[in-house]
Amino acid sequence: MQYLDFMTLLGLGDYYLWIKTLHVISIITWMAGLFYLPRLYVYHAMEEPGSPTSERFKVMERRLLKAIMNPSLVVALVTGLLLWGPWLTSGWFHVKFLAVIILFACHGLYARWRKEFAADQNTRSHTFYRVWNEVPTLMMLIIVPMVIVRPF
């Protein structure tokens, strides 16, 4: 097993597997939110602004983003930085990193769209959100093989 030099310098070398475990758990919870939040937007976009159902969606969207997705993103980011190693120059890592950047962008867009729904200012159709619902899945289909198979 290869530990990062700076993890050893920080005295974290013995905790490498625990940090990796926390990273995987936080990625799972973050991805669950990235899959679910735009699905909520699909249904929310079909409701009348101000309706009881619309108001319920606002609560669900806020809680999902603030209580699950944001903390999961922070933990995934911090543990991911701690896990960086000699593969930083590998092609598979660059592809994975680009896909992760796209996921960060999705998170930011989803957060902005939540604010629009909260203010009853959504102007997009449910079809728009159906398309965006698939972006995290596509990124996952890129990231997982890059990390496990490391094809190049």
N, C-alpha and C. Protein backbone atom coordinates (compact mmCIF):
# COMPACT_ATOMS: atom_id res chain seq x y z
N MET A 1 0.85 -1.17 0.00
CA MET A 1 0.00 0.00 0.00
C MET A 1 0.90 1.24 0.00
N GLN A 2 0.50 2.21 -0.78
CA GLN A 2 1.31 3.40 -0.93
C GLN A 2 0.61 4.59 -0.28
N TYR A 3 1.26 5.17 0.71
CA TYR A 3 0.70 6.34 1.38
C TYR A 3 1.30 7.59 0.79
N LEU A 4 0.61 8.68 0.90
CA LEU A 4 1.11 9.94 0.40
C LEU A 4 2.19 10.48 1.33
N ASP A 5 3.18 11.12 0.71
CA ASP A 5 4.26 11.69 1.51
C ASP A 5 3.72 12.74 2.49
N PHE A 6 2.82 13.61 2.02
CA PHE A 6 2.34 14.65 2.92
C PHE A 6 1.41 14.08 3.98
N MET A 7 0.78 12.93 3.72
CA MET A 7 -0.03 12.29 4.77
C MET A 7 0.90 11.82 5.89
N THR A 8 2.05 11.28 5.50
CA THR A 8 3.03 10.85 6.50
C THR A 8 3.54 12.06 7.26
N LEU A 9 3.82 13.14 6.54
CA LEU A 9 4.31 14.36 7.19
C LEU A 9 3.28 14.91 8.17
N LEU A 10 2.01 14.79 7.83
CA LEU A 10 0.95 15.27 8.72
C LEU A 10 0.65 14.28 9.84
N GLY A 11 1.29 13.13 9.80
CA GLY A 11 1.04 12.11 10.81
C GLY A 11 -0.24 11.33 10.54
N LEU A 12 -0.71 11.34 9.27
CA LEU A 12 -1.97 10.69 8.92
C LEU A 12 -1.76 9.36 8.20
N GLY A 13 -0.53 8.97 7.98
CA GLY A 13 -0.25 7.74 7.24
C GLY A 13 -0.96 6.53 7.79
N ASP A 14 -1.04 6.40 9.11
CA ASP A 14 -1.71 5.25 9.72
C ASP A 14 -3.23 5.31 9.54
N TYR A 15 -3.74 6.44 9.17
CA TYR A 15 -5.19 6.61 9.03
C TYR A 15 -5.63 6.60 7.57
N TYR A 16 -4.74 6.25 6.66
CA TYR A 16 -5.04 6.29 5.23
C TYR A 16 -6.33 5.55 4.89
N LEU A 17 -6.49 4.32 5.37
CA LEU A 17 -7.68 3.54 5.03
C LEU A 17 -8.94 4.13 5.65
N TRP A 18 -8.83 4.74 6.83
CA TRP A 18 -9.99 5.39 7.43
C TRP A 18 -10.39 6.64 6.65
N ILE A 19 -9.40 7.38 6.19
CA ILE A 19 -9.68 8.57 5.38
C ILE A 19 -10.32 8.15 4.07
N LYS A 20 -9.80 7.10 3.47
CA LYS A 20 -10.37 6.58 2.22
C LYS A 20 -11.80 6.11 2.44
N THR A 21 -12.06 5.44 3.55
CA THR A 21 -13.41 4.98 3.89
C THR A 21 -14.36 6.17 4.02
N LEU A 22 -13.95 7.18 4.76
CA LEU A 22 -14.77 8.38 4.92
C LEU A 22 -15.01 9.06 3.58
N HIS A 23 -14.00 9.05 2.72
CA HIS A 23 -14.13 9.63 1.38
C HIS A 23 -15.22 8.90 0.58
N VAL A 24 -15.18 7.59 0.58
CA VAL A 24 -16.16 6.80 -0.17
C VAL A 24 -17.57 7.02 0.38
N ILE A 25 -17.71 7.03 1.70
CA ILE A 25 -19.03 7.26 2.31
C ILE A 25 -19.57 8.64 1.94
N SER A 26 -18.72 9.65 2.00
CA SER A 26 -19.18 11.00 1.68
C SER A 26 -19.51 11.13 0.19
N ILE A 27 -18.77 10.43 -0.66
CA ILE A 27 -19.09 10.44 -2.09
C ILE A 27 -20.46 9.81 -2.34
N ILE A 28 -20.73 8.70 -1.64
CA ILE A 28 -22.03 8.03 -1.81
C ILE A 28 -23.17 8.96 -1.41
N THR A 29 -23.05 9.63 -0.27
CA THR A 29 -24.14 10.50 0.18
C THR A 29 -24.27 11.74 -0.72
N TRP A 30 -23.14 12.27 -1.18
CA TRP A 30 -23.18 13.43 -2.07
C TRP A 30 -23.84 13.05 -3.40
N MET A 31 -23.43 11.90 -3.95
CA MET A 31 -24.01 11.47 -5.22
C MET A 31 -25.51 11.18 -5.08
N ALA A 32 -25.91 10.62 -3.95
CA ALA A 32 -27.34 10.39 -3.73
C ALA A 32 -28.11 11.71 -3.86
N GLY A 33 -27.57 12.76 -3.27
CA GLY A 33 -28.19 14.07 -3.39
C GLY A 33 -28.17 14.60 -4.81
N LEU A 34 -27.04 14.41 -5.51
CA LEU A 34 -26.94 14.87 -6.90
C LEU A 34 -27.92 14.12 -7.81
N PHE A 35 -28.25 12.89 -7.46
CA PHE A 35 -29.24 12.14 -8.22
C PHE A 35 -30.66 12.60 -7.88
N TYR A 36 -30.90 12.91 -6.61
CA TYR A 36 -32.27 13.14 -6.14
C TYR A 36 -32.74 14.59 -6.29
N LEU A 37 -31.86 15.55 -6.05
CA LEU A 37 -32.30 16.95 -6.08
C LEU A 37 -32.89 17.36 -7.43
N PRO A 38 -32.24 17.07 -8.56
CA PRO A 38 -32.89 17.45 -9.82
C PRO A 38 -34.17 16.67 -10.09
N ARG A 39 -34.29 15.49 -9.53
CA ARG A 39 -35.55 14.74 -9.66
C ARG A 39 -36.66 15.48 -8.91
N LEU A 40 -36.34 16.03 -7.75
CA LEU A 40 -37.32 16.86 -7.04
C LEU A 40 -37.70 18.06 -7.90
N TYR A 41 -36.71 18.65 -8.59
CA TYR A 41 -36.99 19.80 -9.45
C TYR A 41 -37.94 19.41 -10.60
N VAL A 42 -37.79 18.21 -11.12
CA VAL A 42 -38.69 17.75 -12.19
C VAL A 42 -40.14 17.85 -11.71
N TYR A 43 -40.40 17.31 -10.54
CA TYR A 43 -41.77 17.32 -10.02
C TYR A 43 -42.19 18.71 -9.55
N HIS A 44 -41.24 19.45 -8.97
CA HIS A 44 -41.55 20.79 -8.48
C HIS A 44 -41.93 21.71 -9.66
N ALA A 45 -41.24 21.55 -10.79
CA ALA A 45 -41.51 22.40 -11.95
C ALA A 45 -42.92 22.18 -12.51
N MET A 46 -43.54 21.07 -12.17
CA MET A 46 -44.89 20.79 -12.66
C MET A 46 -45.96 21.32 -11.71
N GLU A 47 -45.56 21.92 -10.59
CA GLU A 47 -46.52 22.44 -9.60
C GLU A 47 -46.70 23.94 -9.76
N GLU A 48 -47.84 24.41 -9.32
CA GLU A 48 -48.11 25.85 -9.30
C GLU A 48 -47.31 26.50 -8.18
N PRO A 49 -46.61 27.61 -8.46
CA PRO A 49 -45.90 28.31 -7.39
C PRO A 49 -46.86 28.69 -6.26
N GLY A 50 -46.41 28.48 -5.04
CA GLY A 50 -47.22 28.82 -3.87
C GLY A 50 -48.19 27.74 -3.44
N SER A 51 -48.36 26.70 -4.23
CA SER A 51 -49.27 25.62 -3.85
C SER A 51 -48.68 24.85 -2.66
N PRO A 52 -49.53 24.15 -1.91
CA PRO A 52 -49.01 23.36 -0.78
C PRO A 52 -47.93 22.36 -1.21
N THR A 53 -48.11 21.74 -2.36
CA THR A 53 -47.10 20.78 -2.83
C THR A 53 -45.80 21.49 -3.17
N SER A 54 -45.89 22.64 -3.80
CA SER A 54 -44.70 23.42 -4.12
C SER A 54 -43.96 23.81 -2.85
N GLU A 55 -44.69 24.22 -1.84
CA GLU A 55 -44.07 24.59 -0.57
C GLU A 55 -43.39 23.39 0.10
N ARG A 56 -43.99 22.24 -0.02
CA ARG A 56 -43.39 21.01 0.52
C ARG A 56 -42.09 20.69 -0.21
N PHE A 57 -42.09 20.84 -1.54
CA PHE A 57 -40.87 20.60 -2.31
C PHE A 57 -39.76 21.55 -1.87
N LYS A 58 -40.10 22.80 -1.59
CA LYS A 58 -39.10 23.77 -1.15
C LYS A 58 -38.39 23.29 0.11
N VAL A 59 -39.15 22.77 1.06
CA VAL A 59 -38.57 22.26 2.30
C VAL A 59 -37.68 21.05 2.02
N MET A 60 -38.16 20.14 1.22
CA MET A 60 -37.38 18.94 0.89
C MET A 60 -36.07 19.31 0.19
N GLU A 61 -36.15 20.22 -0.77
CA GLU A 61 -34.96 20.63 -1.52
C GLU A 61 -33.94 21.33 -0.63
N ARG A 62 -34.42 22.21 0.25
CA ARG A 62 -33.51 22.92 1.15
C ARG A 62 -32.82 21.96 2.09
N ARG A 63 -33.57 21.05 2.67
CA ARG A 63 -32.99 20.10 3.63
C ARG A 63 -31.99 19.17 2.95
N LEU A 64 -32.33 18.70 1.77
CA LEU A 64 -31.43 17.81 1.04
C LEU A 64 -30.11 18.53 0.74
N LEU A 65 -30.20 19.75 0.25
CA LEU A 65 -28.99 20.49 -0.11
C LEU A 65 -28.17 20.86 1.12
N LYS A 66 -28.82 21.46 2.12
CA LYS A 66 -28.09 22.00 3.27
C LYS A 66 -27.64 20.94 4.27
N ALA A 67 -28.47 19.92 4.49
CA ALA A 67 -28.16 18.94 5.54
C ALA A 67 -27.41 17.71 5.04
N ILE A 68 -27.51 17.42 3.74
CA ILE A 68 -26.87 16.21 3.23
C ILE A 68 -25.80 16.54 2.18
N MET A 69 -26.21 17.25 1.14
CA MET A 69 -25.29 17.46 0.02
C MET A 69 -24.10 18.36 0.37
N ASN A 70 -24.36 19.51 0.97
CA ASN A 70 -23.25 20.42 1.28
C ASN A 70 -22.23 19.81 2.24
N PRO A 71 -22.67 19.22 3.38
CA PRO A 71 -21.68 18.60 4.26
C PRO A 71 -20.94 17.43 3.58
N SER A 72 -21.65 16.65 2.79
CA SER A 72 -21.02 15.53 2.09
C SER A 72 -19.97 16.02 1.10
N LEU A 73 -20.29 17.10 0.40
CA LEU A 73 -19.33 17.67 -0.54
C LEU A 73 -18.07 18.12 0.18
N VAL A 74 -18.22 18.80 1.31
CA VAL A 74 -17.06 19.29 2.06
C VAL A 74 -16.19 18.13 2.52
N VAL A 75 -16.80 17.10 3.09
CA VAL A 75 -16.04 15.94 3.57
C VAL A 75 -15.37 15.23 2.39
N ALA A 76 -16.08 15.06 1.28
CA ALA A 76 -15.50 14.41 0.10
C ALA A 76 -14.31 15.21 -0.42
N LEU A 77 -14.43 16.53 -0.43
CA LEU A 77 -13.35 17.38 -0.92
C LEU A 77 -12.12 17.30 -0.01
N VAL A 78 -12.33 17.44 1.29
CA VAL A 78 -11.20 17.41 2.23
C VAL A 78 -10.51 16.05 2.22
N THR A 79 -11.29 14.97 2.30
CA THR A 79 -10.67 13.64 2.30
C THR A 79 -10.04 13.34 0.94
N GLY A 80 -10.64 13.80 -0.13
CA GLY A 80 -10.06 13.61 -1.46
C GLY A 80 -8.70 14.29 -1.58
N LEU A 81 -8.60 15.50 -1.04
CA LEU A 81 -7.31 16.20 -1.06
C LEU A 81 -6.26 15.46 -0.24
N LEU A 82 -6.67 14.88 0.88
CA LEU A 82 -5.74 14.11 1.71
C LEU A 82 -5.27 12.83 1.01
N LEU A 83 -6.06 12.33 0.07
CA LEU A 83 -5.72 11.08 -0.60
C LEU A 83 -4.90 11.27 -1.87
N TRP A 84 -4.66 12.51 -2.27
CA TRP A 84 -3.89 12.72 -3.50
C TRP A 84 -2.54 12.06 -3.38
N GLY A 85 -2.05 11.53 -4.49
CA GLY A 85 -0.78 10.84 -4.46
C GLY A 85 -0.04 10.91 -5.77
N PRO A 86 0.82 9.93 -6.01
CA PRO A 86 1.69 9.96 -7.19
C PRO A 86 0.94 9.82 -8.51
N TRP A 87 -0.34 9.48 -8.46
CA TRP A 87 -1.12 9.32 -9.69
C TRP A 87 -1.59 10.65 -10.26
N LEU A 88 -1.20 11.77 -9.64
CA LEU A 88 -1.63 13.08 -10.14
C LEU A 88 -1.23 13.32 -11.59
N THR A 89 -0.22 12.64 -12.06
CA THR A 89 0.23 12.82 -13.44
C THR A 89 -0.35 11.76 -14.38
N SER A 90 -1.17 10.86 -13.87
CA SER A 90 -1.74 9.79 -14.69
C SER A 90 -2.94 10.29 -15.49
N GLY A 91 -3.09 9.74 -16.69
CA GLY A 91 -4.20 10.13 -17.56
C GLY A 91 -5.56 9.84 -16.95
N TRP A 92 -5.71 8.68 -16.31
CA TRP A 92 -7.00 8.32 -15.73
C TRP A 92 -7.40 9.33 -14.67
N PHE A 93 -6.41 9.84 -13.90
CA PHE A 93 -6.72 10.80 -12.85
C PHE A 93 -7.22 12.11 -13.46
N HIS A 94 -6.63 12.53 -14.57
CA HIS A 94 -7.07 13.77 -15.21
C HIS A 94 -8.51 13.67 -15.70
N VAL A 95 -8.86 12.52 -16.26
CA VAL A 95 -10.24 12.31 -16.72
C VAL A 95 -11.18 12.32 -15.52
N LYS A 96 -10.80 11.61 -14.46
CA LYS A 96 -11.63 11.56 -13.24
C LYS A 96 -11.78 12.96 -12.65
N PHE A 97 -10.68 13.70 -12.59
CA PHE A 97 -10.69 15.04 -12.00
C PHE A 97 -11.62 15.97 -12.79
N LEU A 98 -11.58 15.89 -14.11
CA LEU A 98 -12.47 16.70 -14.94
C LEU A 98 -13.94 16.36 -14.66
N ALA A 99 -14.24 15.06 -14.53
CA ALA A 99 -15.61 14.64 -14.23
C ALA A 99 -16.04 15.15 -12.85
N VAL A 100 -15.13 15.16 -11.89
CA VAL A 100 -15.43 15.68 -10.55
C VAL A 100 -15.70 17.18 -10.61
N ILE A 101 -14.93 17.90 -11.40
CA ILE A 101 -15.16 19.34 -11.57
C ILE A 101 -16.57 19.57 -12.15
N ILE A 102 -16.98 18.73 -13.08
CA ILE A 102 -18.33 18.84 -13.65
C ILE A 102 -19.38 18.59 -12.56
N LEU A 103 -19.10 17.64 -11.66
CA LEU A 103 -20.03 17.39 -10.54
C LEU A 103 -20.10 18.61 -9.61
N PHE A 104 -18.96 19.26 -9.36
CA PHE A 104 -18.97 20.48 -8.55
C PHE A 104 -19.84 21.55 -9.22
N ALA A 105 -19.71 21.66 -10.55
CA ALA A 105 -20.52 22.64 -11.29
C ALA A 105 -22.01 22.29 -11.18
N CYS A 106 -22.33 21.00 -11.28
CA CYS A 106 -23.72 20.58 -11.11
C CYS A 106 -24.23 20.98 -9.74
N HIS A 107 -23.44 20.73 -8.72
CA HIS A 107 -23.83 21.08 -7.35
C HIS A 107 -24.14 22.57 -7.26
N GLY A 108 -23.26 23.39 -7.84
CA GLY A 108 -23.48 24.83 -7.82
C GLY A 108 -24.74 25.25 -8.56
N LEU A 109 -24.96 24.65 -9.73
CA LEU A 109 -26.17 24.95 -10.49
C LEU A 109 -27.42 24.51 -9.73
N TYR A 110 -27.37 23.33 -9.16
CA TYR A 110 -28.52 22.83 -8.40
C TYR A 110 -28.83 23.74 -7.23
N ALA A 111 -27.79 24.26 -6.57
CA ALA A 111 -28.00 25.18 -5.44
C ALA A 111 -28.64 26.49 -5.92
N ARG A 112 -28.17 26.98 -7.07
CA ARG A 112 -28.76 28.22 -7.61
C ARG A 112 -30.22 28.00 -7.99
N TRP A 113 -30.52 26.85 -8.60
CA TRP A 113 -31.89 26.57 -9.00
C TRP A 113 -32.79 26.39 -7.79
N ARG A 114 -32.26 25.88 -6.70
CA ARG A 114 -33.05 25.75 -5.47
C ARG A 114 -33.48 27.12 -4.99
N LYS A 115 -32.57 28.09 -5.06
CA LYS A 115 -32.92 29.45 -4.65
C LYS A 115 -34.01 30.03 -5.54
N GLU A 116 -33.97 29.72 -6.83
CA GLU A 116 -35.01 30.20 -7.74
C GLU A 116 -36.36 29.58 -7.39
N PHE A 117 -36.38 28.28 -7.11
CA PHE A 117 -37.63 27.64 -6.69
C PHE A 117 -38.12 28.24 -5.38
N ALA A 118 -37.20 28.47 -4.44
CA ALA A 118 -37.58 29.01 -3.13
C ALA A 118 -38.23 30.39 -3.27
N ALA A 119 -37.80 31.14 -4.27
CA ALA A 119 -38.37 32.48 -4.51
C ALA A 119 -39.52 32.45 -5.51
N ASP A 120 -39.98 31.25 -5.87
CA ASP A 120 -41.04 31.09 -6.88
C ASP A 120 -40.68 31.77 -8.19
N GLN A 121 -39.39 31.66 -8.58
CA GLN A 121 -38.92 32.30 -9.81
C GLN A 121 -38.40 31.30 -10.84
N ASN A 122 -38.77 30.04 -10.71
CA ASN A 122 -38.34 29.06 -11.70
C ASN A 122 -39.02 29.33 -13.04
N THR A 123 -38.23 29.32 -14.10
CA THR A 123 -38.78 29.53 -15.44
C THR A 123 -38.50 28.34 -16.36
N ARG A 124 -37.91 27.28 -15.80
CA ARG A 124 -37.53 26.13 -16.61
C ARG A 124 -38.59 25.03 -16.52
N SER A 125 -38.62 24.21 -17.56
CA SER A 125 -39.61 23.13 -17.61
C SER A 125 -39.11 21.89 -16.88
N HIS A 126 -40.02 20.99 -16.62
CA HIS A 126 -39.64 19.72 -16.00
C HIS A 126 -38.71 18.93 -16.91
N THR A 127 -38.84 19.10 -18.22
CA THR A 127 -37.96 18.41 -19.18
C THR A 127 -36.51 18.87 -19.02
N PHE A 128 -36.31 20.15 -18.81
CA PHE A 128 -34.97 20.69 -18.57
C PHE A 128 -34.32 19.98 -17.39
N TYR A 129 -35.05 19.82 -16.30
CA TYR A 129 -34.50 19.18 -15.12
C TYR A 129 -34.32 17.68 -15.32
N ARG A 130 -35.13 17.06 -16.16
CA ARG A 130 -34.95 15.64 -16.48
C ARG A 130 -33.59 15.41 -17.16
N VAL A 131 -33.22 16.32 -18.04
CA VAL A 131 -31.92 16.21 -18.71
C VAL A 131 -30.80 16.39 -17.69
N TRP A 132 -30.89 17.41 -16.86
CA TRP A 132 -29.84 17.66 -15.86
C TRP A 132 -29.78 16.56 -14.81
N ASN A 133 -30.85 15.84 -14.64
CA ASN A 133 -30.87 14.71 -13.70
C ASN A 133 -29.89 13.61 -14.14
N GLU A 134 -29.59 13.55 -15.43
CA GLU A 134 -28.73 12.50 -15.96
C GLU A 134 -27.24 12.83 -15.91
N VAL A 135 -26.89 14.09 -15.75
CA VAL A 135 -25.47 14.48 -15.78
C VAL A 135 -24.66 13.79 -14.68
N PRO A 136 -25.11 13.76 -13.42
CA PRO A 136 -24.32 13.05 -12.41
C PRO A 136 -24.15 11.56 -12.72
N THR A 137 -25.16 10.95 -13.33
CA THR A 137 -25.04 9.53 -13.69
C THR A 137 -23.96 9.34 -14.75
N LEU A 138 -23.93 10.21 -15.73
CA LEU A 138 -22.89 10.13 -16.75
C LEU A 138 -21.50 10.31 -16.15
N MET A 139 -21.38 11.26 -15.23
CA MET A 139 -20.08 11.48 -14.58
C MET A 139 -19.67 10.27 -13.75
N MET A 140 -20.63 9.65 -13.07
CA MET A 140 -20.34 8.45 -12.30
C MET A 140 -19.84 7.33 -13.21
N LEU A 141 -20.45 7.21 -14.39
CA LEU A 141 -20.05 6.18 -15.34
C LEU A 141 -18.65 6.42 -15.89
N ILE A 142 -18.16 7.63 -15.78
CA ILE A 142 -16.78 7.94 -16.15
C ILE A 142 -15.85 7.72 -14.97
N ILE A 143 -16.23 8.24 -13.80
CA ILE A 143 -15.35 8.24 -12.63
C ILE A 143 -15.05 6.83 -12.13
N VAL A 144 -16.07 6.01 -11.96
CA VAL A 144 -15.86 4.68 -11.36
C VAL A 144 -14.86 3.84 -12.14
N PRO A 145 -15.00 3.71 -13.47
CA PRO A 145 -13.97 2.93 -14.19
C PRO A 145 -12.58 3.57 -14.12
N MET A 146 -12.52 4.90 -14.12
CA MET A 146 -11.22 5.56 -14.04
C MET A 146 -10.52 5.20 -12.74
N VAL A 147 -11.25 5.18 -11.63
CA VAL A 147 -10.66 4.91 -10.32
C VAL A 147 -10.35 3.43 -10.14
N ILE A 148 -11.22 2.57 -10.61
CA ILE A 148 -11.04 1.13 -10.35
C ILE A 148 -10.15 0.47 -11.41
N VAL A 149 -10.41 0.72 -12.69
CA VAL A 149 -9.66 0.06 -13.76
C VAL A 149 -8.36 0.82 -14.07
N ARG A 150 -8.39 2.13 -13.95
CA ARG A 150 -7.24 2.98 -14.30
C ARG A 150 -6.70 2.61 -15.67
N PRO A 151 -7.53 2.83 -16.70
CA PRO A 151 -7.20 2.32 -18.04
C PRO A 151 -5.99 2.96 -18.72
N PHE A 152 -5.60 4.11 -18.28
CA PHE A 152 -4.40 4.75 -18.89
C PHE A 152 -3.75 5.69 -17.91
